[in-house]
Each structure stands twice: as structure tokens, then as C-alpha cells.
């Protein structure tokens, strides 16, 4: 049973989990009586609230719509009312869900919530996630789960101590492709991995600005700007920040690395069983105090979790890329895609493009066909379904739970610390500090404005 240590455990949640785990439970009407195979009785469903329901948040709402969507929250009502692709707005799709602008008001008033999805700008992930967990709620938080290393460490520790079911929103972790990639590596397809290269075509928004936008246009009537700024230092509203370009600004986002690192670095982190890096060194176009650079290249030193050997992982963004491996001539489309990863082993090379169905194997500079490796990792029912199932009592954990995603998130964020510091950093993971450049430690924590805290 999940969340057994949480002092705020609600009886309804305990009932749901016990009934799904206990064969003799008879209060819930069996599926085969009410609707046949695949039917979900209403009493089996979770009550979910969704915080941040425009853009990617609209997708999150849809992906958990097998459950009861009982509350919707967004500080930007214009964004919340937008359609996304062929999906109508969450408000239109779930007209009975109660509507809020302030997540704090929602968490205080709604007593029957079991779990929340959080798809807000990066700088508010930690405070919202922690507030929900302190109410005893399970959390699905979009990547990166936090904007700073300190926040990440605190969320991971709290979730573990209090039995919270968690999942970070790097949906590619549930795909078939990374599983095949892992199994090929674990079964020796390219021998011992010596180096890894990760790249993305991000940013696709303005980045590298050295000053804030001038002027202070009127705040739209549909936007609560004070709530949008949240825990960050207050600044006047400007449309250069919302609804999308906030990713560039250090006070709100974590640049191209934070946007895509938890997706693409996930592949080597998982396949090579990586932990905390030993060192991080970054090179980039000019870095300002306001925004992430236009382009960066960051090299991490890790000990492989497979054999303990040292290996380098290099990250590229902003148009920078690793050298294309020989034999990739038939896959130029992958090279121009959103991004990917190269594993170089002593017996071959594996290339995997983000969300591709299968990796590409290169041996001696030529593409080589291969038989599917023996399955070693359970196939996923779906990234969101993993989380829902674990809340309901499944013994299979959501696979990007915070125990896994937290260290990945920290490694990604340390790349930005290196970029902002301009020096090679030695990382003391046990004490959560940079051991050789004391000034770099200022970038590990958030300084919340008055009224906001974890």
C-alpha cells in the first residue's frame, strides 16, 4: 500500500488501494459484472487535479482522463481556454471540473484529490510539487522536476520518506526504443561503452539576451501575473516571458539543456546506470546573468554503473552537434531531428534518435542489421498509466519515479551550473556541493521571495 507513512492519508485513497490489492474486496463491483474486459468501475478511479492545463499541460490532462478529473488550475485563463491540436480545451472537455487560478486555494478546498499533474513553468515545479506532497497527494511533475539541485534533492527525500507515488514527465522513458537500446548495450552489442554524445536542436525560442525587455505593458485581464512569477524575484509583466519564452530566463527556466536534457540524457543515464557526475565542464556562447546562452557544449565525467570505468558524456545544443558517425548516410533525417544520442563502444556504435522506434547499430563504419535482443525490461503500459497503476497498488513502480528521475535531474542541472560558473567543477554529491569553486554553489539553491518556500 502506497503512502502508508503519510500523516494526512485520506480514507478514500486507502480504500482504493486496499480494494485493488485485496482479492476478497467486494465493495467495488467487479469489472466483469459491470462492463466486461477493460471496464473501469467508477469507484476504481482516482480523483485527479491538474495544475497547468494549457500547452503541454493539456496533453497531461488528456493522458490521465481515464480517471476522474475533478479540478483544473491555471494562472493564465486565456491559455487554459485554448485548444491544442485536435483536443478541445480542458475546460470544455471537463465542464464539471472545478476551476481555480491559485493552486494553493485548490489544494486547501478540494478534500477528495488523490493525485495531481503539474505542468507549469519550471520555476514553480518544486513549490507546487512539495505543496501537493505535503497534502498527501501523489504527483506527476513535468521535466525538469525542479530548477535547482537543492529543490530536486528535497523533493526526492520527501517523496521517499512519505510514500508518495511520483513520476517525472519525460514520456520517452516509457517507449520501446530505449528498452531495445538498453538491452543491446547490456547484451554486448557494442562492447564496453567509452563515450557518449547527446544533442538537441533546442533552443527554438530567443536565448542569450543580456538585458530584460523594456517597458511594462498592461497585464492581460486573464493572467494573474503575481501567481505566474510565484517564488521568483518579482519583475514587471512582459509578453517576452509568456506563454513560451520563459525557458530562456534563469529566473524562470533552465534553457535548452533543462528543456531537453531530461529526455535525451535519460537514455545514457538509464542504459549505463549512471549516478552523480564526478566533474562537469561547460563551454558556450556568452552567458549573461539573465538568460541561458544561445549554444553550449558540456562535458560530464561519470563512472559507468555497468563496469565502473570512467566515461565522458558530452552535451550539445544551439546548433552544435557531435561529429556524425560514419555509416549514418541513410539517416540524415535523424541528424536534423529534435535530437539524439551516440554511444561509442570498443566494438561498435549505437545511435538513437529521440522517440525513434529502434536504435541504429554501426560496426566498422557500416550500418549493421541485428536481431532483437532478449527482453530484460518490462514493456510499459504507458508513461502516465505506470503512475496511475502504482497509485492503485501495482507492484510495478512508475519507471521515472523521483528515486530515478531526481539524480538524472540533478545531473542535467549541474550542466547549467558549470556554464554559469565558467569553470570545470568537481562535484561532491554526498555533501551536495561543488568542492573546488565555492562561488558555483550559489546556483544550487533558489532564493524564494517573501511568502514562498518549499
Protein backbone atom coordinates (compact mmCIF):
# COMPACT_ATOMS: atom_id res chain seq x y z
CA UNK A 1 0.00 0.00 0.00
CA UNK A 2 1.48 3.36 -1.04
CA UNK A 3 1.83 6.41 1.19
CA UNK A 4 1.45 4.40 4.37
CA UNK A 5 3.64 6.78 6.37
CA UNK A 6 1.85 9.97 5.34
CA UNK A 7 0.04 11.57 8.29
CA UNK A 8 -2.56 13.13 6.00
CA UNK A 9 -3.64 9.89 4.34
CA UNK A 10 -7.29 10.14 3.32
CA UNK A 11 -9.57 7.19 3.96
CA UNK A 12 -10.82 7.20 0.37
CA UNK A 13 -7.31 6.76 -1.01
CA UNK A 14 -6.61 3.94 1.42
CA UNK A 15 -9.87 2.31 0.34
CA UNK A 16 -8.93 2.47 -3.35
CA UNK A 17 -5.53 0.92 -2.80
CA UNK A 18 -6.72 -1.78 -0.45
CA UNK A 19 -9.55 -2.75 -2.76
CA UNK A 20 -7.24 -3.11 -5.75
CA UNK A 21 -4.77 -5.16 -3.77
CA UNK A 22 -7.12 -7.43 -1.83
CA UNK A 23 -8.70 -10.31 -3.69
CA UNK A 24 -11.55 -10.53 -1.19
CA UNK A 25 -12.62 -6.89 -1.50
CA UNK A 26 -16.27 -6.88 -2.53
CA UNK A 27 -17.35 -3.26 -2.06
CA UNK A 28 -16.13 -2.34 -5.57
CA UNK A 29 -18.28 -4.04 -8.23
CA UNK A 30 -16.06 -6.33 -10.33
CA UNK A 31 -15.26 -5.17 -13.87
CA UNK A 32 -16.61 -8.34 -15.46
CA UNK A 33 -20.03 -7.70 -13.92
CA UNK A 34 -20.33 -4.07 -14.97
CA UNK A 35 -18.82 -3.92 -18.40
CA UNK A 36 -16.59 -6.76 -19.46
CA UNK A 37 -12.89 -6.73 -20.22
CA UNK A 38 -11.21 -3.36 -19.81
CA UNK A 39 -14.09 -1.69 -17.99
CA UNK A 40 -13.16 0.55 -15.07
CA UNK A 41 -15.78 0.83 -12.37
CA UNK A 42 -16.28 4.46 -11.22
CA UNK A 43 -15.18 3.54 -7.70
CA UNK A 44 -11.88 2.26 -9.09
CA UNK A 45 -10.97 5.67 -10.49
CA UNK A 46 -8.67 8.18 -8.89
CA UNK A 47 -9.66 11.79 -8.33
CA UNK A 48 -7.06 13.84 -10.16
CA UNK A 49 -6.48 17.60 -10.22
CA UNK A 50 -4.40 19.16 -12.98
CA UNK A 51 -2.25 22.25 -12.41
CA UNK A 52 -1.16 23.97 -15.62
CA UNK A 53 -3.65 22.92 -18.30
CA UNK A 54 -2.58 24.81 -21.41
CA UNK A 55 0.08 23.70 -23.90
CA UNK A 56 1.79 20.54 -22.67
CA UNK A 57 -0.46 20.60 -19.64
CA UNK A 58 -3.43 19.97 -21.92
CA UNK A 59 -1.75 16.73 -23.03
CA UNK A 60 -1.21 15.74 -19.40
CA UNK A 61 -4.90 16.23 -18.66
CA UNK A 62 -5.84 14.05 -21.61
CA UNK A 63 -3.39 11.32 -20.67
CA UNK A 64 -4.94 10.89 -17.21
CA UNK A 65 -8.55 11.26 -18.40
CA UNK A 66 -9.25 7.59 -17.70
CA UNK A 67 -9.63 8.82 -14.12
CA UNK A 68 -11.94 11.43 -12.57
CA UNK A 69 -10.72 14.93 -13.44
CA UNK A 70 -12.24 16.87 -10.56
CA UNK A 71 -10.30 20.16 -10.57
CA UNK A 72 -8.39 22.29 -13.09
CA UNK A 73 -5.99 25.09 -12.21
CA UNK A 74 -4.14 27.66 -14.32
CA UNK A 75 -2.92 31.21 -13.69
CA UNK A 76 -3.41 32.02 -17.40
CA UNK A 77 -7.07 31.65 -18.31
CA UNK A 78 -6.53 32.55 -21.96
CA UNK A 79 -4.00 29.73 -22.27
CA UNK A 80 -6.25 27.38 -20.32
CA UNK A 81 -9.12 28.02 -22.74
CA UNK A 82 -7.07 27.26 -25.85
CA UNK A 83 -7.49 24.12 -27.91
CA UNK A 84 -4.37 22.04 -28.57
CA UNK A 85 -4.31 20.30 -31.93
CA UNK A 86 -7.48 18.27 -32.23
CA UNK A 87 -8.14 18.50 -28.49
CA UNK A 88 -10.63 20.98 -27.15
CA UNK A 89 -9.62 22.96 -24.08
CA UNK A 90 -9.63 21.12 -20.76
CA UNK A 91 -12.40 23.42 -19.55
CA UNK A 92 -14.62 22.43 -22.45
CA UNK A 93 -13.73 18.76 -22.24
CA UNK A 94 -14.27 18.51 -18.47
CA UNK A 95 -17.02 21.05 -17.73
CA UNK A 96 -17.79 19.55 -14.31
CA UNK A 97 -14.25 20.02 -13.02
CA UNK A 98 -13.96 22.91 -10.58
CA UNK A 99 -11.79 25.78 -11.84
CA UNK A 100 -9.03 27.62 -9.99
CA UNK A 101 -6.23 30.09 -10.68
CA UNK A 102 -4.31 29.61 -7.41
CA UNK A 103 -3.08 26.06 -6.74
CA UNK A 104 -2.91 26.82 -3.02
CA UNK A 105 -6.61 27.61 -2.89
CA UNK A 106 -7.37 24.44 -4.82
CA UNK A 107 -5.29 22.25 -2.51
CA UNK A 108 -6.97 23.76 0.53
CA UNK A 109 -10.55 23.48 -0.73
CA UNK A 110 -10.51 20.15 -2.57
CA UNK A 111 -10.57 17.40 0.04
CA UNK A 112 -11.04 14.41 -2.28
CA UNK A 113 -7.99 14.75 -4.54
CA UNK A 114 -5.81 11.64 -4.76
CA UNK A 115 -3.16 12.90 -7.16
CA UNK A 116 -2.11 15.91 -9.23
CA UNK A 117 -0.39 16.59 -12.52
CA UNK A 118 1.89 19.63 -12.63
CA UNK A 119 2.75 21.21 -15.96
CA UNK A 120 3.72 24.78 -15.14
CA UNK A 121 6.86 26.82 -15.93
CA UNK A 122 9.98 25.26 -14.42
CA UNK A 123 10.44 27.77 -11.59
CA UNK A 124 7.14 26.73 -9.98
CA UNK A 125 7.55 22.95 -10.26
CA UNK A 126 9.19 22.49 -6.88
CA UNK A 127 6.89 24.65 -4.75
CA UNK A 128 3.73 23.17 -6.29
CA UNK A 129 5.01 19.59 -6.12
CA UNK A 130 6.06 19.93 -2.49
CA UNK A 131 2.77 21.60 -1.52
CA UNK A 132 0.85 18.73 -3.10
CA UNK A 133 3.01 16.08 -1.43
CA UNK A 134 2.54 17.76 1.95
CA UNK A 135 -1.20 17.26 1.43
CA UNK A 136 -0.51 13.55 0.96
CA UNK A 137 -1.09 13.68 -2.81
CA UNK A 138 0.75 11.70 -5.46
CA UNK A 139 2.46 13.80 -8.11
CA UNK A 140 3.19 13.68 -11.83
CA UNK A 141 5.57 16.60 -12.47
CA UNK A 142 6.80 17.64 -15.88
CA UNK A 143 10.51 17.69 -16.59
CA UNK A 144 12.71 19.09 -15.20
CA UNK A 145 11.13 18.35 -11.85
CA UNK A 146 12.92 21.37 -10.40
CA UNK A 147 15.01 24.37 -11.44
CA UNK A 148 17.74 23.82 -8.84
CA UNK A 149 19.67 20.88 -7.41
CA UNK A 150 18.64 21.68 -3.83
CA UNK A 151 14.96 21.61 -4.76
CA UNK A 152 15.42 18.30 -6.54
CA UNK A 153 17.11 16.69 -3.57
CA UNK A 154 14.38 17.88 -1.20
CA UNK A 155 11.53 16.57 -3.36
CA UNK A 156 13.17 13.18 -3.74
CA UNK A 157 13.78 12.84 0.00
CA UNK A 158 10.26 13.94 0.95
CA UNK A 159 8.58 11.60 -1.53
CA UNK A 160 10.66 8.65 -0.35
CA UNK A 161 10.07 9.33 3.34
CA UNK A 162 6.32 9.75 2.94
CA UNK A 163 5.47 7.03 0.43
CA UNK A 164 4.40 9.42 -2.35
CA UNK A 165 3.98 7.88 -5.82
CA UNK A 166 5.88 10.04 -8.30
CA UNK A 167 6.66 10.30 -11.99
CA UNK A 168 8.68 12.86 -13.94
CA UNK A 169 7.26 13.85 -17.31
CA UNK A 170 9.93 12.52 -19.64
CA UNK A 171 7.49 10.41 -21.62
CA UNK A 172 10.14 8.80 -23.85
CA UNK A 173 11.20 6.69 -20.87
CA UNK A 174 8.14 4.52 -21.49
CA UNK A 175 8.89 3.90 -25.17
CA UNK A 176 10.06 0.67 -26.75
CA UNK A 177 13.16 2.23 -28.36
CA UNK A 178 15.11 2.96 -25.17
CA UNK A 179 14.40 -0.53 -23.91
CA UNK A 180 15.86 -2.05 -27.07
CA UNK A 181 18.81 0.32 -26.76
CA UNK A 182 19.48 -0.72 -23.17
CA UNK A 183 19.16 -4.41 -23.95
CA UNK A 184 21.56 -4.17 -26.88
CA UNK A 185 24.15 -2.45 -24.70
CA UNK A 186 23.66 -4.81 -21.77
CA UNK A 187 23.98 -7.80 -24.08
CA UNK A 188 27.28 -6.56 -25.54
CA UNK A 189 26.27 -5.29 -28.98
CA UNK A 190 28.99 -2.62 -28.98
CA UNK A 191 31.27 -3.91 -26.23
CA UNK A 192 32.31 -1.56 -23.44
CA UNK A 193 30.96 1.97 -23.87
CA UNK A 194 33.77 4.52 -23.84
CA UNK A 195 31.97 7.80 -24.56
CA UNK A 196 28.52 9.25 -25.12
CA UNK A 197 27.34 12.28 -27.10
CA UNK A 198 23.89 13.87 -26.67
CA UNK A 199 22.50 16.68 -28.81
CA UNK A 200 19.33 18.69 -29.40
CA UNK A 201 18.13 21.31 -31.88
CA UNK A 202 16.90 23.45 -28.95
CA UNK A 203 16.55 26.32 -28.28
CA UNK A 204 13.72 27.15 -30.64
CA UNK A 205 12.98 30.32 -28.67
CA UNK A 206 15.06 33.51 -28.20
CA UNK A 207 18.01 32.91 -25.88
CA UNK A 208 21.24 34.66 -24.96
CA UNK A 209 19.71 38.05 -24.09
CA UNK A 210 21.77 40.18 -21.71
CA UNK A 211 19.07 42.61 -20.60
CA UNK A 212 15.41 42.35 -19.71
CA UNK A 213 12.78 43.64 -22.13
CA UNK A 214 11.99 47.33 -21.74
CA UNK A 215 8.63 48.73 -20.79
CA UNK A 216 5.78 47.34 -18.77
CA UNK A 217 2.72 46.62 -20.91
CA UNK A 218 -0.62 46.10 -19.15
CA UNK A 219 -1.07 42.64 -17.70
CA UNK A 220 -3.82 40.77 -19.60
CA UNK A 221 -7.03 40.51 -17.59
CA UNK A 222 -6.91 36.73 -18.00
CA UNK A 223 -3.47 36.39 -16.37
CA UNK A 224 -2.58 36.50 -12.66
CA UNK A 225 0.98 37.77 -13.12
CA UNK A 226 1.88 37.68 -9.42
CA UNK A 227 0.98 33.99 -9.24
CA UNK A 228 2.82 33.32 -12.51
CA UNK A 229 6.04 34.83 -11.09
CA UNK A 230 5.47 32.70 -7.99
CA UNK A 231 8.62 32.08 -5.94
CA UNK A 232 10.98 34.04 -8.22
CA UNK A 233 12.04 37.64 -7.64
CA UNK A 234 9.20 39.85 -8.85
CA UNK A 235 9.58 41.71 -12.14
CA UNK A 236 7.08 43.57 -14.32
CA UNK A 237 4.99 41.65 -16.81
CA UNK A 238 6.16 41.46 -20.41
CA UNK A 239 4.92 39.24 -23.27
CA UNK A 240 8.53 38.24 -23.96
CA UNK A 241 8.17 35.88 -20.98
CA UNK A 242 4.80 34.23 -21.51
CA UNK A 243 3.44 31.86 -22.55
CA UNK A 244 6.53 30.12 -24.02
CA UNK A 245 9.79 32.07 -24.00
CA UNK A 246 10.28 31.95 -20.22
CA UNK A 247 12.55 28.93 -20.82
CA UNK A 248 15.47 31.19 -21.68
CA UNK A 249 15.42 33.25 -18.46
CA UNK A 250 17.36 31.94 -15.47
CA UNK A 251 14.70 33.14 -13.02
CA UNK A 252 12.05 31.02 -14.75
CA UNK A 253 13.64 28.27 -16.83
CA UNK A 254 16.80 26.29 -17.42
CA UNK A 255 17.42 26.85 -21.13
CA UNK A 256 17.86 24.27 -23.85
CA UNK A 257 19.67 21.85 -21.53
CA UNK A 258 16.84 21.83 -19.00
CA UNK A 259 14.21 21.58 -21.70
CA UNK A 260 15.65 18.50 -23.43
CA UNK A 261 18.31 17.11 -21.10
CA UNK A 262 15.85 15.09 -19.02
CA UNK A 263 14.68 13.48 -22.26
CA UNK A 264 17.92 12.80 -24.13
CA UNK A 265 20.35 12.33 -21.25
CA UNK A 266 17.81 9.88 -19.84
CA UNK A 267 18.91 7.32 -22.45
CA UNK A 268 22.57 7.01 -21.33
CA UNK A 269 21.64 7.58 -17.69
CA UNK A 270 19.42 4.50 -17.86
CA UNK A 271 21.46 2.35 -20.20
CA UNK A 272 24.77 2.88 -18.39
CA UNK A 273 23.26 3.03 -14.88
CA UNK A 274 24.84 6.41 -14.22
CA UNK A 275 24.74 8.24 -10.93
CA UNK A 276 26.19 11.58 -9.91
CA UNK A 277 28.91 13.01 -12.15
CA UNK A 278 32.47 13.38 -10.91
CA UNK A 279 33.06 16.61 -12.77
CA UNK A 280 31.31 18.96 -15.19
CA UNK A 281 32.88 21.42 -17.62
CA UNK A 282 30.98 23.73 -19.95
CA UNK A 283 31.76 25.86 -22.98
CA UNK A 284 29.24 28.19 -24.55
CA UNK A 285 28.44 31.38 -26.36
CA UNK A 286 28.40 34.37 -23.97
CA UNK A 287 26.45 33.75 -20.77
CA UNK A 288 24.53 36.60 -19.14
CA UNK A 289 23.07 36.94 -15.67
CA UNK A 290 19.62 36.98 -17.25
CA UNK A 291 19.44 34.12 -19.73
CA UNK A 292 20.98 30.85 -20.83
CA UNK A 293 23.41 31.08 -23.76
CA UNK A 294 22.48 30.64 -27.41
CA UNK A 295 24.62 27.50 -27.64
CA UNK A 296 26.56 25.28 -25.27
CA UNK A 297 28.72 22.16 -25.05
CA UNK A 298 29.05 20.49 -21.66
CA UNK A 299 31.24 17.50 -20.78
CA UNK A 300 30.40 15.33 -17.78
CA UNK A 301 32.69 12.70 -16.30
CA UNK A 302 30.87 9.66 -14.90
CA UNK A 303 31.73 6.24 -13.58
CA UNK A 304 29.80 3.70 -15.61
CA UNK A 305 27.40 1.75 -13.47
CA UNK A 306 27.97 -1.26 -15.73
CA UNK A 307 31.68 -1.77 -15.19
CA UNK A 308 32.86 1.18 -13.06
CA UNK A 309 35.10 2.65 -15.76
CA UNK A 310 35.32 6.38 -16.36
CA UNK A 311 33.48 7.73 -19.37
CA UNK A 312 32.71 11.14 -20.79
CA UNK A 313 29.22 12.29 -21.73
CA UNK A 314 29.11 15.44 -23.86
CA UNK A 315 26.00 17.56 -24.37
CA UNK A 316 25.45 19.87 -27.38
CA UNK A 317 22.71 22.42 -28.07
CA UNK A 318 22.05 25.62 -30.02
CA UNK A 319 23.20 24.23 -33.35
CA UNK A 320 26.31 22.49 -32.02
CA UNK A 321 26.48 18.77 -32.73
CA UNK A 322 28.90 15.88 -32.37
CA UNK A 323 30.63 14.55 -35.45
CA UNK A 324 28.23 12.33 -37.39
CA UNK A 325 29.40 8.72 -37.15
CA UNK A 326 30.50 7.02 -40.34
CA UNK A 327 27.68 4.87 -41.72
CA UNK A 328 24.84 7.31 -40.93
CA UNK A 329 24.34 8.40 -44.54
CA UNK A 330 20.89 6.80 -44.77
CA UNK A 331 19.65 8.56 -41.64
CA UNK A 332 20.25 12.25 -42.27
CA UNK A 333 16.68 12.96 -41.20
CA UNK A 334 17.60 11.79 -37.69
CA UNK A 335 20.55 14.17 -37.71
CA UNK A 336 18.21 17.08 -38.39
CA UNK A 337 15.58 15.98 -35.86
CA UNK A 338 14.90 17.22 -32.34
CA UNK A 339 17.95 15.38 -31.02
CA UNK A 340 19.53 12.08 -30.11
CA UNK A 341 22.38 10.19 -28.50
CA UNK A 342 25.51 8.34 -29.68
CA UNK A 343 27.08 5.51 -27.69
CA UNK A 344 30.64 4.70 -28.74
CA UNK A 345 31.86 1.29 -27.66
CA UNK A 346 35.06 -0.60 -28.34
CA UNK A 347 33.20 -2.90 -30.76
CA UNK A 348 30.73 -0.57 -32.44
CA UNK A 349 28.43 2.44 -32.21
CA UNK A 350 24.74 2.81 -31.37
CA UNK A 351 22.78 5.89 -32.42
CA UNK A 352 19.30 6.58 -31.07
CA UNK A 353 17.13 9.49 -32.16
CA UNK A 354 14.65 10.90 -29.66
CA UNK A 355 11.36 8.94 -29.96
CA UNK A 356 12.71 6.74 -32.78
CA UNK A 357 11.33 3.17 -32.87
CA UNK A 358 14.75 1.49 -32.80
CA UNK A 359 18.42 2.41 -32.43
CA UNK A 360 20.87 2.18 -35.33
CA UNK A 361 23.87 -0.15 -34.99
CA UNK A 362 27.11 0.76 -36.77
CA UNK A 363 30.10 -1.58 -36.93
CA UNK A 364 33.32 -0.65 -38.73
CA UNK A 365 31.63 2.38 -40.26
CA UNK A 366 28.72 0.46 -41.76
CA UNK A 367 25.14 0.01 -40.65
CA UNK A 368 24.50 -3.49 -39.40
CA UNK A 369 21.17 -5.26 -39.11
CA UNK A 370 20.56 -7.02 -35.83
CA UNK A 371 18.15 -9.40 -34.22
CA UNK A 372 16.00 -8.04 -31.43
CA UNK A 373 17.79 -8.51 -28.10
CA UNK A 374 16.38 -10.63 -25.34
CA UNK A 375 13.85 -8.64 -23.34
CA UNK A 376 15.24 -7.64 -19.96
CA UNK A 377 12.97 -4.68 -19.12
CA UNK A 378 9.18 -4.92 -18.75
CA UNK A 379 7.34 -3.11 -21.54
CA UNK A 380 5.38 -0.10 -20.37
CA UNK A 381 1.58 0.21 -20.43
CA UNK A 382 2.16 3.95 -20.87
CA UNK A 383 4.08 6.64 -19.01
CA UNK A 384 1.02 8.06 -17.26
CA UNK A 385 -0.58 4.65 -16.77
CA UNK A 386 2.52 3.43 -14.91
CA UNK A 387 1.95 6.21 -12.39
CA UNK A 388 -1.79 5.62 -12.10
CA UNK A 389 -1.29 1.87 -11.69
CA UNK A 390 1.26 2.31 -8.91
CA UNK A 391 -1.06 4.64 -7.02
CA UNK A 392 -3.74 1.96 -7.25
CA UNK A 393 -1.40 -0.62 -5.79
CA UNK A 394 0.60 -2.16 -8.64
CA UNK A 395 3.84 -3.75 -7.53
CA UNK A 396 5.50 -2.30 -10.67
CA UNK A 397 6.80 1.17 -9.90
CA UNK A 398 6.43 4.07 -12.29
CA UNK A 399 9.81 3.88 -14.01
CA UNK A 400 10.70 7.57 -13.99
CA UNK A 401 9.82 7.91 -10.32
CA UNK A 402 11.74 10.53 -8.37
CA UNK A 403 14.22 7.98 -6.99
CA UNK A 404 15.41 7.56 -10.59
CA UNK A 405 14.49 10.94 -12.05
CA UNK A 406 15.93 13.01 -9.19
CA UNK A 407 19.59 12.09 -9.79
CA UNK A 408 19.07 12.47 -13.56
CA UNK A 409 17.51 15.89 -12.97
CA UNK A 410 20.42 16.92 -10.76
CA UNK A 411 22.99 15.89 -13.36
CA UNK A 412 21.20 17.89 -16.03
CA UNK A 413 21.01 20.99 -13.82
CA UNK A 414 24.69 20.76 -12.92
CA UNK A 415 25.48 21.40 -16.58
CA UNK A 416 23.96 24.85 -16.23
CA UNK A 417 25.89 25.43 -13.01
CA UNK A 418 29.09 24.75 -14.96
CA UNK A 419 28.02 27.09 -17.77
CA UNK A 420 27.19 29.89 -15.35
CA UNK A 421 30.40 29.38 -13.37
CA UNK A 422 32.68 29.25 -16.41
CA UNK A 423 34.97 26.69 -14.78
CA UNK A 424 35.45 22.95 -14.52
CA UNK A 425 33.57 21.81 -11.44
CA UNK A 426 34.31 18.90 -9.11
CA UNK A 427 31.09 17.55 -7.63
CA UNK A 428 30.78 16.33 -4.02
CA UNK A 429 27.46 14.53 -4.25
CA UNK A 430 27.24 13.36 -0.64
CA UNK A 431 27.51 16.93 0.62
CA UNK A 432 25.67 18.42 -2.38
CA UNK A 433 28.30 20.99 -3.20
CA UNK A 434 30.94 21.97 -5.72
CA UNK A 435 34.18 21.27 -3.91
CA UNK A 436 36.65 23.33 -5.96
CA UNK A 437 34.75 26.50 -6.96
CA UNK A 438 32.87 27.90 -3.98
CA UNK A 439 31.09 30.60 -5.99
CA UNK A 440 29.39 27.94 -8.09
CA UNK A 441 27.35 26.81 -5.09
CA UNK A 442 25.17 29.92 -5.31
CA UNK A 443 23.50 28.33 -8.34
CA UNK A 444 22.44 25.20 -6.47
CA UNK A 445 19.65 26.80 -4.45
CA UNK A 446 16.66 29.05 -5.00
CA UNK A 447 16.20 32.32 -3.11
CA UNK A 448 12.43 32.50 -2.79
CA UNK A 449 10.64 35.80 -2.49
CA UNK A 450 8.61 36.51 0.61
CA UNK A 451 5.57 34.30 1.01
CA UNK A 452 7.00 31.39 -0.98
CA UNK A 453 9.00 28.41 0.24
CA UNK A 454 9.18 24.65 -0.07
